[in-house]
Protein backbone atom coordinates (compact mmCIF):
# COMPACT_ATOMS: atom_id res chain seq x y z
CA MET A 1 2.00 -25.34 -0.02
CA SER A 2 -0.19 -22.78 -1.67
CA VAL A 3 1.18 -20.25 -3.88
CA ARG A 4 -1.45 -17.83 -5.52
CA VAL A 5 -1.25 -14.41 -7.16
CA ARG A 6 -3.33 -11.39 -6.08
CA ARG A 7 -3.43 -7.47 -6.56
CA VAL A 8 -1.62 -5.67 -3.97
CA TYR A 9 -4.41 -3.34 -3.63
CA ASP A 10 -6.90 -6.12 -2.30
CA PRO A 11 -7.22 -6.45 1.22
CA ALA A 12 -5.22 -8.85 2.94
CA GLU A 13 -6.68 -12.16 3.96
CA PRO A 14 -5.71 -14.55 6.76
CA GLU A 15 -5.04 -17.29 3.92
CA ASP A 16 -2.67 -15.19 2.20
CA GLY A 17 0.26 -16.37 4.64
CA ALA A 18 3.56 -15.02 3.43
CA ARG A 19 2.57 -11.78 1.23
CA VAL A 20 5.38 -11.16 -1.45
CA LEU A 21 5.51 -7.78 -3.43
CA VAL A 22 7.17 -8.97 -6.65
CA ASP A 23 7.11 -5.56 -8.47
CA ARG A 24 10.04 -3.44 -8.83
CA LEU A 25 8.60 0.00 -7.72
CA TRP A 26 5.84 0.52 -4.94
CA PRO A 27 2.58 0.66 -5.71
CA ARG A 28 1.23 4.17 -6.32
CA GLY A 29 -1.32 5.75 -3.59
CA LEU A 30 -0.76 2.60 -1.25
CA ALA A 31 0.60 3.29 2.37
CA LYS A 32 3.19 0.61 3.32
CA ASP A 33 1.35 -0.55 6.67
CA ALA A 34 -1.78 -0.77 4.53
CA ALA A 35 -0.02 -3.20 2.06
CA ARG A 36 1.20 -5.83 4.82
CA VAL A 37 4.15 -6.59 2.89
CA ASP A 38 6.30 -9.45 4.35
CA GLU A 39 8.94 -9.70 1.51
CA TRP A 40 9.91 -7.43 -1.34
CA PRO A 41 12.58 -9.38 -3.48
CA LYS A 42 13.38 -6.73 -6.02
CA ALA A 43 15.79 -9.33 -7.67
CA LEU A 44 12.49 -11.27 -8.83
CA THR A 45 11.34 -8.25 -10.83
CA PRO A 46 11.70 -8.13 -14.54
CA SER A 47 14.18 -5.58 -16.11
CA THR A 48 13.02 -2.34 -17.06
CA GLU A 49 13.95 -3.15 -20.75
CA LEU A 50 11.64 -6.38 -20.59
CA ARG A 51 8.82 -4.64 -18.77
CA ARG A 52 8.69 -1.79 -21.62
CA TRP A 53 9.01 -4.17 -24.17
CA TYR A 54 6.18 -6.13 -22.64
CA HIS A 55 4.05 -3.08 -22.05
CA ALA A 56 4.45 -1.48 -25.46
CA GLY A 57 2.66 -4.35 -26.91
CA GLU A 58 5.99 -5.60 -29.18
CA GLY A 59 5.37 -9.25 -28.19
CA SER A 60 2.92 -12.08 -26.76
CA TYR A 61 2.73 -12.98 -23.16
CA GLU A 62 4.11 -16.09 -23.86
CA GLU A 63 7.25 -14.55 -25.47
CA PHE A 64 7.56 -12.46 -22.29
CA ALA A 65 7.22 -15.36 -19.80
CA GLU A 66 10.55 -17.06 -21.73
CA ARG A 67 12.31 -13.79 -21.71
CA TYR A 68 11.58 -13.30 -18.03
CA GLU A 69 12.26 -17.07 -16.77
CA ALA A 70 15.85 -16.04 -18.80
CA GLU A 71 16.39 -13.15 -16.39
CA LEU A 72 15.61 -15.24 -13.61
CA ALA A 73 18.45 -17.39 -14.29
CA SER A 74 20.76 -14.85 -13.18
CA ASP A 75 22.69 -15.69 -9.65
CA GLU A 76 20.94 -12.93 -7.77
CA ALA A 77 17.44 -13.71 -9.03
CA SER A 78 17.80 -17.32 -8.61
CA ALA A 79 18.75 -16.61 -4.70
CA ALA A 80 15.82 -14.75 -4.30
CA LEU A 81 13.42 -17.08 -6.12
CA ASP A 82 15.27 -19.54 -3.37
CA GLY A 83 14.11 -17.67 -0.91
CA VAL A 84 10.56 -17.50 -1.66
CA ARG A 85 10.77 -21.26 -2.60
CA GLU A 86 11.55 -21.42 1.22
CA LEU A 87 8.78 -19.39 2.45
CA ALA A 88 6.57 -21.55 0.04
CA ARG A 89 7.65 -24.95 1.97
CA GLU A 90 6.78 -23.36 5.12
CA GLY A 91 3.35 -22.18 4.19
CA ASP A 92 1.30 -20.22 2.07
CA VAL A 93 2.56 -17.54 -0.15
CA THR A 94 0.69 -14.81 -2.08
CA LEU A 95 2.59 -12.80 -4.72
CA LEU A 96 1.44 -9.31 -4.92
CA THR A 97 1.54 -7.06 -7.95
CA ALA A 98 0.00 -3.81 -8.75
CA SER A 99 -0.51 -5.18 -12.45
CA LYS A 100 -4.27 -4.54 -13.34
CA THR A 101 -4.19 -7.91 -15.13
CA PRO A 102 -2.28 -10.14 -12.78
CA GLN A 103 -2.73 -13.54 -14.63
CA GLN A 104 -1.19 -11.99 -17.56
CA SER A 105 2.25 -10.52 -15.72
CA HIS A 106 5.02 -11.46 -14.16
CA ALA A 107 3.52 -12.67 -10.88
CA THR A 108 2.05 -15.64 -12.83
CA VAL A 109 5.20 -16.84 -14.18
CA LEU A 110 6.92 -16.76 -10.75
CA ALA A 111 3.76 -18.65 -9.27
CA ARG A 112 4.34 -21.20 -11.94
CA LEU A 113 7.92 -21.35 -11.30
CA LEU A 114 7.65 -21.82 -7.56
CA GLU A 115 5.00 -24.77 -7.92
CA ARG A 116 7.30 -26.72 -10.23
C-alpha cells in the first residue's frame, strides 16, 4: 500500500493508482476528463471555517492539522475515510489537491491518517 499526495494539476502517472480529489471545490481551469479523478469524497474536506482560518494565517499548520483531525471524527467524514482506506488496501492511492503547497495542506494530514 502506498499513499501519496500530488497536485491535481500534475499529469496523471501510471503509479498513481486510485486518484482521489480531496478538495471541496473543483480545481479552477481543469477539465474533468484531464484530471482523471476516480473518487471525490467531499466529506473528507476541511470545513469552510477551518479553511478560511488557516488561509488567513491565524494559526500554525500543526494547529490546523489538529483541528482538521477533530473534524474527521464526524460520522460522515469517518465513513468517507474508511472508503479511502479500503482503496488503499487494494492498491496505491494518490490524494489530489489544488494547493500550491500540498505538503502543508489537509491532503498530507489525510495521507498520514491513512498510513496508520
